[in-house]
Amino acid sequence: ADSSVRKYIAKHGPGIHHIAFNVANVETAVARLKAMSVKLIDDTPRAGKEGSRVAFIHPSATQGILFELVEPARPEEE
């Protein structure tokens, strides 16, 4: 009930909240974007759902679209 997506829809109506990209290494992706002076919401990756690590690119850097970089959780080594 208090999710950011629900709040977005209540304010803006139905539509796309954000687009997520699967990346092999979110820290590397963030570093590359920083080197290109891309405005980020997350200067360092943070914990995402189900053990993933995520970082968001600021919509002002992407024509108003919120992009999420997602590094999926790695299976535990046995």
N, C-alpha and C. Protein backbone atom coordinates (compact mmCIF):
# COMPACT_ATOMS: atom_id res chain seq x y z
N ALA A 1 0.82 -1.21 0.00
CA ALA A 1 0.00 0.00 0.00
C ALA A 1 0.86 1.26 0.00
N ASP A 2 2.06 1.20 0.56
CA ASP A 2 2.91 2.38 0.64
C ASP A 2 4.08 2.33 -0.34
N SER A 3 4.00 1.51 -1.37
CA SER A 3 5.13 1.39 -2.29
C SER A 3 5.29 2.64 -3.15
N SER A 4 6.50 2.86 -3.61
CA SER A 4 6.76 4.03 -4.46
C SER A 4 6.00 3.93 -5.78
N VAL A 5 5.81 2.72 -6.29
CA VAL A 5 5.08 2.54 -7.54
C VAL A 5 3.62 2.92 -7.35
N ARG A 6 3.03 2.48 -6.25
CA ARG A 6 1.62 2.81 -5.98
C ARG A 6 1.44 4.33 -5.86
N LYS A 7 2.37 4.99 -5.17
CA LYS A 7 2.30 6.45 -5.02
C LYS A 7 2.44 7.13 -6.38
N TYR A 8 3.34 6.62 -7.22
CA TYR A 8 3.53 7.19 -8.56
C TYR A 8 2.24 7.08 -9.37
N ILE A 9 1.62 5.92 -9.36
CA ILE A 9 0.38 5.71 -10.12
C ILE A 9 -0.74 6.60 -9.60
N ALA A 10 -0.82 6.74 -8.27
CA ALA A 10 -1.85 7.60 -7.70
C ALA A 10 -1.67 9.05 -8.16
N LYS A 11 -0.43 9.48 -8.30
CA LYS A 11 -0.14 10.86 -8.70
C LYS A 11 -0.22 11.07 -10.20
N HIS A 12 0.31 10.10 -10.98
CA HIS A 12 0.45 10.28 -12.43
C HIS A 12 -0.52 9.46 -13.27
N GLY A 13 -1.21 8.52 -12.67
CA GLY A 13 -2.09 7.64 -13.42
C GLY A 13 -1.34 6.42 -13.92
N PRO A 14 -2.04 5.50 -14.57
CA PRO A 14 -1.40 4.28 -15.05
C PRO A 14 -0.34 4.59 -16.11
N GLY A 15 0.67 3.75 -16.13
CA GLY A 15 1.74 3.90 -17.11
C GLY A 15 3.01 3.28 -16.59
N ILE A 16 4.09 3.53 -17.29
CA ILE A 16 5.38 2.95 -16.92
C ILE A 16 5.99 3.77 -15.79
N HIS A 17 6.40 3.09 -14.73
CA HIS A 17 7.09 3.75 -13.62
C HIS A 17 8.57 3.87 -13.93
N HIS A 18 9.19 2.74 -14.31
CA HIS A 18 10.60 2.76 -14.69
C HIS A 18 10.95 1.54 -15.52
N ILE A 19 12.13 1.58 -16.11
CA ILE A 19 12.63 0.47 -16.91
C ILE A 19 13.90 -0.04 -16.26
N ALA A 20 14.00 -1.36 -16.10
CA ALA A 20 15.15 -1.96 -15.45
C ALA A 20 16.02 -2.69 -16.48
N PHE A 21 17.32 -2.55 -16.29
CA PHE A 21 18.29 -3.24 -17.13
C PHE A 21 19.11 -4.18 -16.28
N ASN A 22 19.25 -5.41 -16.73
CA ASN A 22 20.07 -6.41 -16.06
C ASN A 22 21.53 -6.13 -16.42
N VAL A 23 22.38 -5.98 -15.41
CA VAL A 23 23.81 -5.76 -15.66
C VAL A 23 24.61 -6.83 -14.91
N ALA A 24 25.75 -7.17 -15.45
CA ALA A 24 26.59 -8.20 -14.82
C ALA A 24 27.22 -7.69 -13.53
N ASN A 25 27.58 -6.39 -13.50
CA ASN A 25 28.22 -5.82 -12.32
C ASN A 25 27.74 -4.38 -12.17
N VAL A 26 26.88 -4.14 -11.21
CA VAL A 26 26.28 -2.82 -11.04
C VAL A 26 27.31 -1.77 -10.64
N GLU A 27 28.33 -2.15 -9.88
CA GLU A 27 29.37 -1.18 -9.51
C GLU A 27 30.13 -0.70 -10.74
N THR A 28 30.44 -1.61 -11.64
CA THR A 28 31.13 -1.25 -12.88
C THR A 28 30.24 -0.34 -13.73
N ALA A 29 28.97 -0.67 -13.83
CA ALA A 29 28.04 0.14 -14.61
C ALA A 29 27.93 1.55 -14.04
N VAL A 30 27.82 1.66 -12.72
CA VAL A 30 27.75 2.98 -12.08
C VAL A 30 29.04 3.77 -12.33
N ALA A 31 30.17 3.12 -12.20
CA ALA A 31 31.45 3.80 -12.42
C ALA A 31 31.55 4.33 -13.86
N ARG A 32 31.11 3.54 -14.81
CA ARG A 32 31.15 3.98 -16.22
C ARG A 32 30.25 5.19 -16.45
N LEU A 33 29.06 5.16 -15.84
CA LEU A 33 28.14 6.29 -15.99
C LEU A 33 28.69 7.54 -15.33
N LYS A 34 29.28 7.38 -14.15
CA LYS A 34 29.91 8.52 -13.47
C LYS A 34 31.01 9.12 -14.33
N ALA A 35 31.81 8.27 -14.97
CA ALA A 35 32.90 8.74 -15.82
C ALA A 35 32.38 9.54 -17.01
N MET A 36 31.13 9.27 -17.40
CA MET A 36 30.51 10.01 -18.50
C MET A 36 29.68 11.20 -17.99
N SER A 37 29.77 11.47 -16.67
CA SER A 37 29.05 12.57 -16.03
C SER A 37 27.53 12.44 -16.12
N VAL A 38 27.04 11.19 -16.11
CA VAL A 38 25.61 10.95 -16.10
C VAL A 38 25.10 11.16 -14.67
N LYS A 39 24.01 11.90 -14.53
CA LYS A 39 23.44 12.16 -13.20
C LYS A 39 22.76 10.90 -12.68
N LEU A 40 23.14 10.50 -11.48
CA LEU A 40 22.61 9.29 -10.86
C LEU A 40 21.82 9.62 -9.61
N ILE A 41 20.87 8.79 -9.28
CA ILE A 41 20.20 8.86 -7.98
C ILE A 41 21.08 8.17 -6.96
N ASP A 42 21.65 7.04 -7.36
CA ASP A 42 22.51 6.25 -6.48
C ASP A 42 23.95 6.32 -6.95
N ASP A 43 24.79 7.00 -6.17
CA ASP A 43 26.22 7.05 -6.49
C ASP A 43 26.91 5.74 -6.16
N THR A 44 26.31 4.97 -5.27
CA THR A 44 26.80 3.63 -4.94
C THR A 44 25.60 2.69 -4.97
N PRO A 45 25.79 1.46 -5.42
CA PRO A 45 24.68 0.51 -5.48
C PRO A 45 24.10 0.24 -4.09
N ARG A 46 22.84 -0.15 -4.08
CA ARG A 46 22.16 -0.49 -2.83
C ARG A 46 21.47 -1.85 -2.98
N ALA A 47 21.02 -2.37 -1.86
CA ALA A 47 20.33 -3.66 -1.86
C ALA A 47 18.99 -3.53 -2.58
N GLY A 48 18.71 -4.52 -3.42
CA GLY A 48 17.43 -4.58 -4.11
C GLY A 48 16.64 -5.78 -3.62
N LYS A 49 15.64 -6.14 -4.35
CA LYS A 49 14.80 -7.28 -3.98
C LYS A 49 15.51 -8.60 -4.25
N GLU A 50 15.19 -9.57 -3.44
CA GLU A 50 15.67 -10.94 -3.62
C GLU A 50 17.18 -11.05 -3.75
N GLY A 51 17.90 -10.22 -2.98
CA GLY A 51 19.35 -10.31 -2.96
C GLY A 51 20.06 -9.60 -4.10
N SER A 52 19.32 -8.90 -4.93
CA SER A 52 19.95 -8.17 -6.03
C SER A 52 20.60 -6.90 -5.51
N ARG A 53 21.39 -6.27 -6.37
CA ARG A 53 21.97 -4.96 -6.08
C ARG A 53 21.53 -4.03 -7.19
N VAL A 54 21.13 -2.80 -6.83
CA VAL A 54 20.55 -1.90 -7.80
C VAL A 54 21.13 -0.49 -7.68
N ALA A 55 20.96 0.28 -8.74
CA ALA A 55 21.26 1.71 -8.75
C ALA A 55 20.34 2.34 -9.79
N PHE A 56 19.93 3.58 -9.51
CA PHE A 56 19.02 4.27 -10.41
C PHE A 56 19.72 5.45 -11.09
N ILE A 57 19.38 5.64 -12.37
CA ILE A 57 19.84 6.79 -13.13
C ILE A 57 18.77 7.87 -13.00
N HIS A 58 19.17 9.09 -12.74
CA HIS A 58 18.22 10.18 -12.54
C HIS A 58 17.46 10.45 -13.84
N PRO A 59 16.13 10.62 -13.76
CA PRO A 59 15.34 10.87 -14.97
C PRO A 59 15.77 12.11 -15.75
N SER A 60 16.36 13.09 -15.08
CA SER A 60 16.80 14.29 -15.80
C SER A 60 17.92 13.98 -16.79
N ALA A 61 18.58 12.84 -16.63
CA ALA A 61 19.66 12.43 -17.53
C ALA A 61 19.16 11.58 -18.68
N THR A 62 17.88 11.21 -18.64
CA THR A 62 17.36 10.24 -19.62
C THR A 62 16.00 10.65 -20.19
N GLN A 63 15.87 11.93 -20.51
CA GLN A 63 14.63 12.43 -21.11
C GLN A 63 13.39 12.14 -20.25
N GLY A 64 13.56 12.15 -18.92
CA GLY A 64 12.43 11.98 -18.01
C GLY A 64 12.07 10.55 -17.67
N ILE A 65 12.85 9.59 -18.12
CA ILE A 65 12.57 8.18 -17.85
C ILE A 65 13.49 7.70 -16.73
N LEU A 66 12.90 7.03 -15.74
CA LEU A 66 13.68 6.47 -14.64
C LEU A 66 14.21 5.10 -15.05
N PHE A 67 15.53 4.95 -15.02
CA PHE A 67 16.16 3.67 -15.34
C PHE A 67 16.79 3.07 -14.10
N GLU A 68 16.64 1.76 -13.96
CA GLU A 68 17.23 1.01 -12.85
C GLU A 68 18.24 0.03 -13.42
N LEU A 69 19.41 -0.03 -12.82
CA LEU A 69 20.41 -1.03 -13.16
C LEU A 69 20.32 -2.12 -12.11
N VAL A 70 20.18 -3.36 -12.54
CA VAL A 70 19.98 -4.48 -11.60
C VAL A 70 21.04 -5.55 -11.82
N GLU A 71 21.78 -5.84 -10.76
CA GLU A 71 22.69 -6.98 -10.75
C GLU A 71 22.00 -8.07 -9.95
N PRO A 72 21.52 -9.12 -10.62
CA PRO A 72 20.80 -10.17 -9.91
C PRO A 72 21.67 -10.83 -8.84
N ALA A 73 21.01 -11.39 -7.84
CA ALA A 73 21.73 -12.13 -6.81
C ALA A 73 22.45 -13.30 -7.45
N ARG A 74 23.63 -13.57 -6.96
CA ARG A 74 24.38 -14.74 -7.46
C ARG A 74 24.03 -15.93 -6.60
N PRO A 75 23.91 -17.09 -7.23
CA PRO A 75 23.64 -18.30 -6.43
C PRO A 75 24.80 -18.53 -5.46
N GLU A 76 24.44 -18.96 -4.27
CA GLU A 76 25.49 -19.22 -3.27
C GLU A 76 26.41 -20.33 -3.79
N GLU A 77 27.71 -20.10 -3.58
CA GLU A 77 28.67 -21.11 -4.00
C GLU A 77 28.61 -22.28 -3.03
N GLU A 78 28.69 -23.45 -3.59
CA GLU A 78 28.63 -24.65 -2.74
C GLU A 78 30.01 -25.19 -2.45
